[in-house]
């Protein structure tokens, strides 16, 4: 508790905004795919989701740039306003007496624009407000709060989404207003103005990102992070396919556990373990070397998933869940701290924007695992994943030993 009370005010308030955003976002976001399939069909739903991803990627990059120009606070405020308008549009088009899925999509697209604009600025403010000494604790804390929000939000969505979508969207419209007020009146600007004058133009943004990509150390770290995200994303891709096809049904307390339920159970266990033991793991690894912690964490996480690809029974998969969750708790704070330490203080927003690209790129590779599994099989995919684990560790470790260009 003392560590938390000693944190900068911005970080404390950020913990609250993260919880509120993730709580309601997790109750609606994952279920919108089902909503779109019901109204547009599977083919067009896939197209719409691709559009959302591309728009999110573009505005995430732009948000990272303008947070270095106009400031973190203003960028976050603009993002919250866009989210308010977007969710408001979606809400008014999903009333008990009127439903328009086409305008609903536009509303959610606008909300994605706002979220993507704000995210790099929020990440930059976190780094600005923390110190090298408390940064690992800060990232662990936010990660812990995020998991609590996801768990509660997923439960709310599963229970209320179908029959109370309008009410959920109403609350989603209120959350950006609350967050806007917290940022506007509670947080302080953390951007230290650079002597290099920049503008909010697209050309200025491209120049800013070219400078980031010219930082070979950070570029190497980002490439390693792309591969690390492939590991983290496996539950959404090959692990889901593997369990749905090969899991041996199991009876637990009279309830039938089949492939899809086993995946859900593993994810629930993952979240509960993080919530229950994250504090202990953070304290136990507080004095560890960051690179070694990251390497061990990625090895355990990747190894846990690779073993899961080779198993088909309930209890062995429970053990692998404990293994990859332990690795996740060790690697995530360490890698985020390393990332923050590598950023040019004058361009933290742009650096955060570049890092936002790593997850979409990782999802493309993770999706390819499902396709090539037809040729490689379970053992081949498990071996390929471990190759990526070692390459990711090598790239991230190599980046930490390169000379900073600033």
Protein backbone atom coordinates (compact mmCIF):
# COMPACT_ATOMS: atom_id res chain seq x y z
CA UNK A 1 0.00 0.00 0.00
CA UNK A 2 2.86 2.38 0.81
CA UNK A 3 4.31 1.87 -2.67
CA UNK A 4 0.96 2.79 -4.19
CA UNK A 5 0.53 5.88 -2.01
CA UNK A 6 4.01 7.08 -2.99
CA UNK A 7 3.16 7.00 -6.70
CA UNK A 8 2.59 10.13 -8.76
CA UNK A 9 -1.02 11.37 -8.75
CA UNK A 10 -1.32 10.79 -12.50
CA UNK A 11 -0.55 7.09 -12.07
CA UNK A 12 -3.11 6.65 -9.29
CA UNK A 13 -5.80 8.26 -11.41
CA UNK A 14 -4.68 6.28 -14.45
CA UNK A 15 -5.31 3.09 -12.48
CA UNK A 16 -8.92 4.21 -12.00
CA UNK A 17 -9.48 5.14 -15.65
CA UNK A 18 -7.97 1.81 -16.79
CA UNK A 19 -10.35 -0.12 -14.56
CA UNK A 20 -13.44 1.76 -15.74
CA UNK A 21 -12.50 1.54 -19.41
CA UNK A 22 -11.57 -2.15 -19.38
CA UNK A 23 -14.53 -3.11 -17.17
CA UNK A 24 -17.16 -1.93 -19.65
CA UNK A 25 -15.02 -2.43 -22.75
CA UNK A 26 -14.67 -6.13 -21.94
CA UNK A 27 -18.41 -6.44 -21.43
CA UNK A 28 -19.21 -5.20 -24.96
CA UNK A 29 -16.15 -5.38 -27.22
CA UNK A 30 -15.69 -9.17 -27.51
CA UNK A 31 -19.43 -9.69 -28.06
CA UNK A 32 -19.66 -7.20 -30.94
CA UNK A 33 -18.30 -9.83 -33.30
CA UNK A 34 -21.39 -11.92 -32.58
CA UNK A 35 -23.55 -8.81 -33.11
CA UNK A 36 -21.99 -8.12 -36.51
CA UNK A 37 -22.29 -11.76 -37.61
CA UNK A 38 -26.00 -11.72 -36.78
CA UNK A 39 -26.59 -8.58 -38.85
CA UNK A 40 -23.99 -8.76 -41.63
CA UNK A 41 -22.92 -12.40 -41.89
CA UNK A 42 -19.47 -13.90 -41.36
CA UNK A 43 -17.85 -12.64 -44.58
CA UNK A 44 -18.70 -8.96 -44.12
CA UNK A 45 -17.98 -9.18 -40.40
CA UNK A 46 -14.43 -10.21 -41.25
CA UNK A 47 -14.10 -7.24 -43.61
CA UNK A 48 -15.46 -4.83 -41.00
CA UNK A 49 -13.06 -6.12 -38.35
CA UNK A 50 -10.13 -5.64 -40.75
CA UNK A 51 -11.28 -2.05 -41.37
CA UNK A 52 -11.47 -1.42 -37.62
CA UNK A 53 -7.94 -2.81 -37.14
CA UNK A 54 -6.47 -0.67 -39.93
CA UNK A 55 -8.19 2.50 -38.70
CA UNK A 56 -7.06 1.77 -35.13
CA UNK A 57 -3.50 1.27 -36.32
CA UNK A 58 -3.43 4.55 -38.27
CA UNK A 59 -4.90 6.68 -35.51
CA UNK A 60 -2.73 4.98 -32.90
CA UNK A 61 0.34 6.12 -34.81
CA UNK A 62 -1.09 9.63 -35.24
CA UNK A 63 -2.07 9.81 -31.57
CA UNK A 64 1.48 8.94 -30.56
CA UNK A 65 2.82 11.81 -32.68
CA UNK A 66 0.42 14.53 -31.57
CA UNK A 67 0.92 13.61 -27.91
CA UNK A 68 4.51 14.79 -28.43
CA UNK A 69 3.26 18.02 -30.01
CA UNK A 70 0.11 19.23 -28.21
CA UNK A 71 0.64 17.28 -24.99
CA UNK A 72 -0.54 14.08 -23.33
CA UNK A 73 -3.58 15.60 -21.62
CA UNK A 74 -5.09 17.25 -24.69
CA UNK A 75 -4.58 14.14 -26.80
CA UNK A 76 -6.29 11.96 -24.19
CA UNK A 77 -9.12 14.49 -23.87
CA UNK A 78 -9.70 14.48 -27.64
CA UNK A 79 -9.73 10.69 -27.54
CA UNK A 80 -12.32 10.63 -24.75
CA UNK A 81 -14.55 13.07 -26.65
CA UNK A 82 -14.43 10.86 -29.76
CA UNK A 83 -15.24 7.81 -27.64
CA UNK A 84 -18.20 9.62 -26.04
CA UNK A 85 -19.63 10.57 -29.44
CA UNK A 86 -19.00 7.11 -30.89
CA UNK A 87 -20.62 5.18 -28.05
CA UNK A 88 -23.46 7.70 -28.00
CA UNK A 89 -24.16 7.05 -31.69
CA UNK A 90 -24.10 3.29 -31.04
CA UNK A 91 -26.40 3.66 -28.03
CA UNK A 92 -29.08 5.65 -29.91
CA UNK A 93 -29.05 3.04 -32.67
CA UNK A 94 -29.64 0.11 -30.32
CA UNK A 95 -32.68 1.24 -28.36
CA UNK A 96 -35.54 -1.13 -27.45
CA UNK A 97 -37.57 0.41 -30.31
CA UNK A 98 -34.94 1.05 -32.97
CA UNK A 99 -31.85 -0.84 -34.17
CA UNK A 100 -29.54 0.23 -37.00
CA UNK A 101 -26.42 -1.99 -37.22
CA UNK A 102 -24.89 0.11 -40.02
CA UNK A 103 -24.79 3.31 -37.99
CA UNK A 104 -23.81 1.24 -34.95
CA UNK A 105 -20.66 0.17 -36.79
CA UNK A 106 -19.85 3.80 -37.60
CA UNK A 107 -20.29 4.65 -33.92
CA UNK A 108 -17.93 1.91 -32.80
CA UNK A 109 -15.46 2.90 -35.50
CA UNK A 110 -15.43 6.45 -34.14
CA UNK A 111 -14.98 5.10 -30.61
CA UNK A 112 -12.01 3.07 -31.89
CA UNK A 113 -10.53 6.26 -33.36
CA UNK A 114 -10.78 7.91 -29.94
CA UNK A 115 -9.35 4.93 -28.10
CA UNK A 116 -6.45 4.63 -30.56
CA UNK A 117 -5.67 8.35 -30.29
CA UNK A 118 -5.62 8.26 -26.50
CA UNK A 119 -3.70 5.03 -25.93
CA UNK A 120 -0.15 6.15 -26.90
CA UNK A 121 -0.65 9.38 -24.94
CA UNK A 122 -1.77 7.40 -21.90
CA UNK A 123 1.24 5.12 -22.19
CA UNK A 124 3.53 8.13 -22.57
CA UNK A 125 2.04 9.82 -19.49
CA UNK A 126 2.61 6.64 -17.49
CA UNK A 127 6.27 6.61 -18.45
CA UNK A 128 6.63 10.36 -17.80
CA UNK A 129 5.09 10.00 -14.33
CA UNK A 130 7.09 6.96 -13.22
CA UNK A 131 10.76 6.55 -12.36
CA UNK A 132 13.23 3.81 -13.26
CA UNK A 133 13.00 2.65 -9.63
CA UNK A 134 9.21 2.22 -9.46
CA UNK A 135 8.44 1.53 -13.12
CA UNK A 136 8.27 -2.26 -12.77
CA UNK A 137 5.84 -1.92 -9.85
CA UNK A 138 3.72 0.57 -11.84
CA UNK A 139 3.40 -1.71 -14.86
CA UNK A 140 2.62 -4.70 -12.62
CA UNK A 141 -0.08 -2.70 -10.85
CA UNK A 142 -1.76 -1.56 -14.07
CA UNK A 143 -1.56 -5.07 -15.49
CA UNK A 144 -3.17 -6.46 -12.33
CA UNK A 145 -5.99 -3.90 -12.46
CA UNK A 146 -6.51 -4.59 -16.16
CA UNK A 147 -7.02 -8.29 -15.48
CA UNK A 148 -9.57 -7.58 -12.74
CA UNK A 149 -11.47 -5.35 -15.17
CA UNK A 150 -11.38 -7.98 -17.91
CA UNK A 151 -12.66 -10.73 -15.61
CA UNK A 152 -15.55 -8.70 -14.22
CA UNK A 153 -16.36 -7.15 -17.60
CA UNK A 154 -16.45 -10.51 -19.38
CA UNK A 155 -18.86 -11.81 -16.75
CA UNK A 156 -21.10 -8.74 -17.16
CA UNK A 157 -21.09 -9.11 -20.95
CA UNK A 158 -21.88 -12.80 -20.88
CA UNK A 159 -24.82 -12.18 -18.58
CA UNK A 160 -26.31 -8.94 -19.94
CA UNK A 161 -25.13 -8.31 -23.53
CA UNK A 162 -27.95 -10.10 -25.36
CA UNK A 163 -30.89 -8.58 -23.45
CA UNK A 164 -29.45 -5.30 -22.13
CA UNK A 165 -27.22 -3.96 -24.89
CA UNK A 166 -28.82 -0.50 -24.74
CA UNK A 167 -28.12 -0.21 -21.00
CA UNK A 168 -24.53 -1.38 -21.43
CA UNK A 169 -23.99 1.17 -24.20
CA UNK A 170 -25.48 3.85 -21.97
CA UNK A 171 -22.85 3.09 -19.33
CA UNK A 172 -20.18 2.97 -22.05
CA UNK A 173 -21.22 6.50 -23.05
CA UNK A 174 -20.91 7.71 -19.45
CA UNK A 175 -17.42 6.25 -18.87
CA UNK A 176 -15.61 8.61 -21.33
CA UNK A 177 -17.30 11.55 -19.58
CA UNK A 178 -16.00 10.34 -16.21
CA UNK A 179 -12.54 9.69 -17.62
CA UNK A 180 -12.50 13.09 -19.36
CA UNK A 181 -13.25 14.82 -16.06
CA UNK A 182 -10.55 12.79 -14.27
CA UNK A 183 -7.97 13.73 -16.91
CA UNK A 184 -9.11 17.34 -17.25
CA UNK A 185 -9.34 18.22 -13.58
CA UNK A 186 -7.19 15.61 -11.83
CA UNK A 187 -4.14 14.96 -14.01
CA UNK A 188 -1.25 17.25 -14.85
CA UNK A 189 0.53 17.61 -18.18
CA UNK A 190 3.78 15.65 -18.26
CA UNK A 191 5.16 16.59 -21.68
CA UNK A 192 8.42 18.52 -21.50
CA UNK A 193 8.52 20.69 -24.59
CA UNK A 194 11.35 19.94 -26.98
CA UNK A 195 13.42 22.59 -28.69
CA UNK A 196 12.58 20.92 -32.00
CA UNK A 197 9.31 22.49 -33.15
CA UNK A 198 6.85 19.95 -34.58
CA UNK A 199 3.37 20.27 -36.02
CA UNK A 200 0.33 17.99 -36.04
CA UNK A 201 0.51 17.53 -39.83
CA UNK A 202 0.72 14.08 -41.41
CA UNK A 203 4.12 14.95 -42.90
CA UNK A 204 5.45 15.91 -39.47
CA UNK A 205 4.12 12.61 -38.10
CA UNK A 206 5.88 10.66 -40.87
CA UNK A 207 9.17 12.44 -40.12
CA UNK A 208 8.76 11.71 -36.42
CA UNK A 209 8.17 8.00 -37.02
CA UNK A 210 11.04 7.79 -39.49
CA UNK A 211 13.29 9.05 -36.70
CA UNK A 212 11.92 6.35 -34.37
CA UNK A 213 12.47 3.62 -36.97
CA UNK A 214 16.02 4.90 -37.46
CA UNK A 215 16.67 4.08 -33.82
CA UNK A 216 18.08 0.61 -34.51
CA UNK A 217 18.04 -0.31 -30.85
CA UNK A 218 14.34 0.36 -30.42
CA UNK A 219 13.51 -1.15 -33.83
CA UNK A 220 15.27 -4.37 -32.80
CA UNK A 221 13.34 -4.38 -29.52
CA UNK A 222 10.06 -3.82 -31.40
CA UNK A 223 10.77 -6.77 -33.71
CA UNK A 224 11.41 -8.96 -30.69
CA UNK A 225 8.16 -7.69 -29.19
CA UNK A 226 6.25 -8.67 -32.35
CA UNK A 227 7.42 -12.26 -31.84
CA UNK A 228 6.64 -12.04 -28.11
CA UNK A 229 3.08 -10.99 -28.96
CA UNK A 230 2.74 -14.10 -31.15
CA UNK A 231 3.32 -16.13 -27.99
CA UNK A 232 0.86 -14.09 -25.94
CA UNK A 233 -1.87 -14.33 -28.62
CA UNK A 234 -1.90 -18.14 -28.88
CA UNK A 235 -5.17 -18.59 -26.89
CA UNK A 236 -6.96 -16.62 -29.61
CA UNK A 237 -5.44 -18.64 -32.43
CA UNK A 238 -3.75 -22.05 -32.50
CA UNK A 239 -4.50 -23.09 -28.92
CA UNK A 240 -8.20 -22.51 -29.58
CA UNK A 241 -8.06 -24.57 -32.79
CA UNK A 242 -6.07 -27.35 -31.11
CA UNK A 243 -8.44 -27.73 -28.17
CA UNK A 244 -11.58 -27.60 -30.32
CA UNK A 245 -10.27 -30.44 -32.48
CA UNK A 246 -8.36 -32.79 -30.17
CA UNK A 247 -9.33 -32.22 -26.51
CA UNK A 248 -10.61 -35.34 -24.77
CA UNK A 249 -13.92 -34.49 -23.10
CA UNK A 250 -13.80 -34.52 -19.32
CA UNK A 251 -16.43 -34.50 -16.58
CA UNK A 252 -15.78 -32.05 -13.73
CA UNK A 253 -18.27 -32.04 -10.84
CA UNK A 254 -20.95 -33.32 -13.18
CA UNK A 255 -20.24 -30.66 -15.84
CA UNK A 256 -19.01 -31.73 -19.26
CA UNK A 257 -15.75 -30.02 -20.29
CA UNK A 258 -15.18 -30.04 -24.05
CA UNK A 259 -12.64 -28.14 -26.15
CA UNK A 260 -14.24 -24.69 -26.13
CA UNK A 261 -15.05 -24.89 -22.44
CA UNK A 262 -11.49 -26.02 -21.68
CA UNK A 263 -10.13 -22.94 -23.45
CA UNK A 264 -12.47 -20.70 -21.45
CA UNK A 265 -11.50 -22.47 -18.23
CA UNK A 266 -7.78 -22.00 -18.99
CA UNK A 267 -8.33 -18.28 -19.60
CA UNK A 268 -10.34 -17.94 -16.38
CA UNK A 269 -7.55 -19.72 -14.47
CA UNK A 270 -5.02 -17.42 -16.11
CA UNK A 271 -6.89 -14.32 -14.96
CA UNK A 272 -7.52 -15.60 -11.42
CA UNK A 273 -3.86 -16.58 -10.99
CA UNK A 274 -2.74 -13.12 -12.11
CA UNK A 275 -5.13 -11.36 -9.75
CA UNK A 276 -4.26 -13.64 -6.81
CA UNK A 277 -0.48 -13.88 -7.18
CA UNK A 278 0.72 -10.89 -9.24
CA UNK A 279 1.72 -8.99 -6.11
CA UNK A 280 3.76 -11.92 -4.82
CA UNK A 281 5.49 -12.48 -8.18
CA UNK A 282 6.28 -8.76 -8.49
CA UNK A 283 7.93 -8.67 -5.06
CA UNK A 284 9.78 -11.94 -5.64
CA UNK A 285 11.28 -10.68 -8.91
CA UNK A 286 11.75 -7.02 -7.93
CA UNK A 287 15.55 -7.27 -7.79
CA UNK A 288 15.96 -9.52 -10.82
CA UNK A 289 17.86 -8.31 -13.85
CA UNK A 290 15.25 -7.09 -16.35
CA UNK A 291 16.65 -8.97 -19.35
CA UNK A 292 16.92 -12.24 -17.42
CA UNK A 293 13.41 -11.82 -16.04
CA UNK A 294 12.05 -11.15 -19.52
CA UNK A 295 13.92 -14.14 -20.95
CA UNK A 296 12.75 -16.55 -18.24
CA UNK A 297 9.20 -15.24 -18.49
CA UNK A 298 9.03 -15.64 -22.27
CA UNK A 299 10.59 -19.11 -22.03
CA UNK A 300 8.00 -20.26 -19.46
CA UNK A 301 5.14 -18.67 -21.35
CA UNK A 302 6.16 -20.06 -24.73
CA UNK A 303 7.06 -23.43 -23.24
CA UNK A 304 3.68 -23.63 -21.50
CA UNK A 305 1.82 -22.98 -24.73
CA UNK A 306 4.05 -25.37 -26.70
CA UNK A 307 3.32 -28.15 -24.19
CA UNK A 308 -0.39 -27.34 -24.44
CA UNK A 309 -0.24 -28.02 -28.19
CA UNK A 310 0.94 -31.57 -27.43
CA UNK A 311 -1.63 -32.37 -24.74
CA UNK A 312 -5.26 -33.40 -24.93
CA UNK A 313 -6.31 -34.08 -21.34
CA UNK A 314 -7.72 -31.88 -18.58
CA UNK A 315 -5.20 -32.04 -15.71
CA UNK A 316 -2.02 -31.78 -17.83
CA UNK A 317 -3.50 -28.68 -19.46
CA UNK A 318 -4.20 -27.22 -16.02
CA UNK A 319 -0.48 -27.59 -15.25
CA UNK A 320 0.56 -25.92 -18.52
CA UNK A 321 -1.83 -23.04 -17.71
CA UNK A 322 0.02 -22.47 -14.44
CA UNK A 323 3.33 -22.54 -16.34
CA UNK A 324 2.45 -20.03 -19.07
CA UNK A 325 0.65 -17.75 -16.60
CA UNK A 326 3.73 -17.65 -14.36
CA UNK A 327 5.83 -16.74 -17.38
CA UNK A 328 3.38 -14.01 -18.34
CA UNK A 329 3.50 -12.43 -14.88
CA UNK A 330 7.31 -12.37 -14.97
CA UNK A 331 7.79 -11.19 -18.55
CA UNK A 332 5.15 -8.48 -18.99
CA UNK A 333 6.36 -5.96 -16.34
CA UNK A 334 10.00 -6.62 -17.24
CA UNK A 335 9.50 -6.11 -20.99
CA UNK A 336 7.37 -2.99 -20.46
CA UNK A 337 10.03 -1.52 -18.19
CA UNK A 338 12.75 -2.27 -20.76
CA UNK A 339 10.62 -0.62 -23.44
CA UNK A 340 10.19 2.54 -21.37
CA UNK A 341 13.92 2.75 -20.66
CA UNK A 342 14.73 2.62 -24.39
CA UNK A 343 12.53 5.54 -25.43
CA UNK A 344 13.87 8.94 -26.40
CA UNK A 345 12.41 11.27 -23.74
CA UNK A 346 11.61 13.86 -26.41
CA UNK A 347 9.50 11.44 -28.47
CA UNK A 348 7.87 9.08 -26.01
CA UNK A 349 4.50 9.43 -27.72
CA UNK A 350 5.90 8.46 -31.11
CA UNK A 351 7.80 5.55 -29.57
CA UNK A 352 4.58 4.38 -27.91
CA UNK A 353 2.78 4.66 -31.24
CA UNK A 354 5.36 2.44 -32.95
CA UNK A 355 5.05 -0.14 -30.20
CA UNK A 356 1.26 -0.19 -30.70
CA UNK A 357 1.91 -1.76 -34.12
CA UNK A 358 3.58 -4.85 -32.65
CA UNK A 359 0.36 -6.55 -31.54
CA UNK A 360 -1.44 -6.32 -34.94
CA UNK A 361 1.68 -7.65 -36.67
CA UNK A 362 1.89 -10.44 -34.12
CA UNK A 363 -1.74 -11.37 -34.74
CA UNK A 364 -1.00 -11.86 -38.45
CA UNK A 365 1.79 -14.33 -37.64
CA UNK A 366 -0.31 -16.04 -34.95
CA UNK A 367 -3.13 -16.46 -37.48
CA UNK A 368 -0.69 -18.06 -39.93
CA UNK A 369 0.04 -20.74 -37.31
CA UNK A 370 -3.49 -22.06 -37.75
CA UNK A 371 -3.08 -22.32 -41.53
CA UNK A 372 0.33 -24.00 -41.56
CA UNK A 373 -0.64 -26.44 -38.80
CA UNK A 374 -2.24 -28.52 -41.55
CA UNK A 375 1.30 -29.23 -42.79
CA UNK A 376 3.35 -29.10 -39.55
CA UNK A 377 0.93 -30.73 -37.09
CA UNK A 378 1.00 -30.22 -33.31
CA UNK A 379 4.68 -31.08 -32.84
CA UNK A 380 5.74 -28.85 -35.71
CA UNK A 381 3.77 -25.87 -34.40
CA UNK A 382 5.12 -26.41 -30.88
CA UNK A 383 8.68 -26.48 -32.24
CA UNK A 384 8.07 -23.40 -34.38
CA UNK A 385 6.71 -21.51 -31.38
CA UNK A 386 9.82 -22.32 -29.35
CA UNK A 387 12.00 -21.09 -32.21
CA UNK A 388 10.11 -17.78 -32.07
CA UNK A 389 10.60 -17.72 -28.29
CA UNK A 390 14.37 -17.95 -28.60
CA UNK A 391 14.50 -15.43 -31.47
CA UNK A 392 12.36 -12.99 -29.44
CA UNK A 393 14.63 -13.38 -26.41
CA UNK A 394 17.71 -12.88 -28.58
CA UNK A 395 16.38 -9.73 -30.28
CA UNK A 396 15.22 -8.10 -27.05
CA UNK A 397 18.44 -8.98 -25.22
CA UNK A 398 20.51 -7.73 -28.17
CA UNK A 399 18.59 -4.46 -28.21
CA UNK A 400 19.42 -3.81 -24.54
CA UNK A 401 23.14 -4.06 -25.31
CA UNK A 402 23.05 -1.64 -28.27
CA UNK A 403 24.14 1.97 -27.84
CA UNK A 404 21.36 4.54 -27.45
CA UNK A 405 21.23 7.07 -30.34
CA UNK A 406 20.21 9.94 -28.07
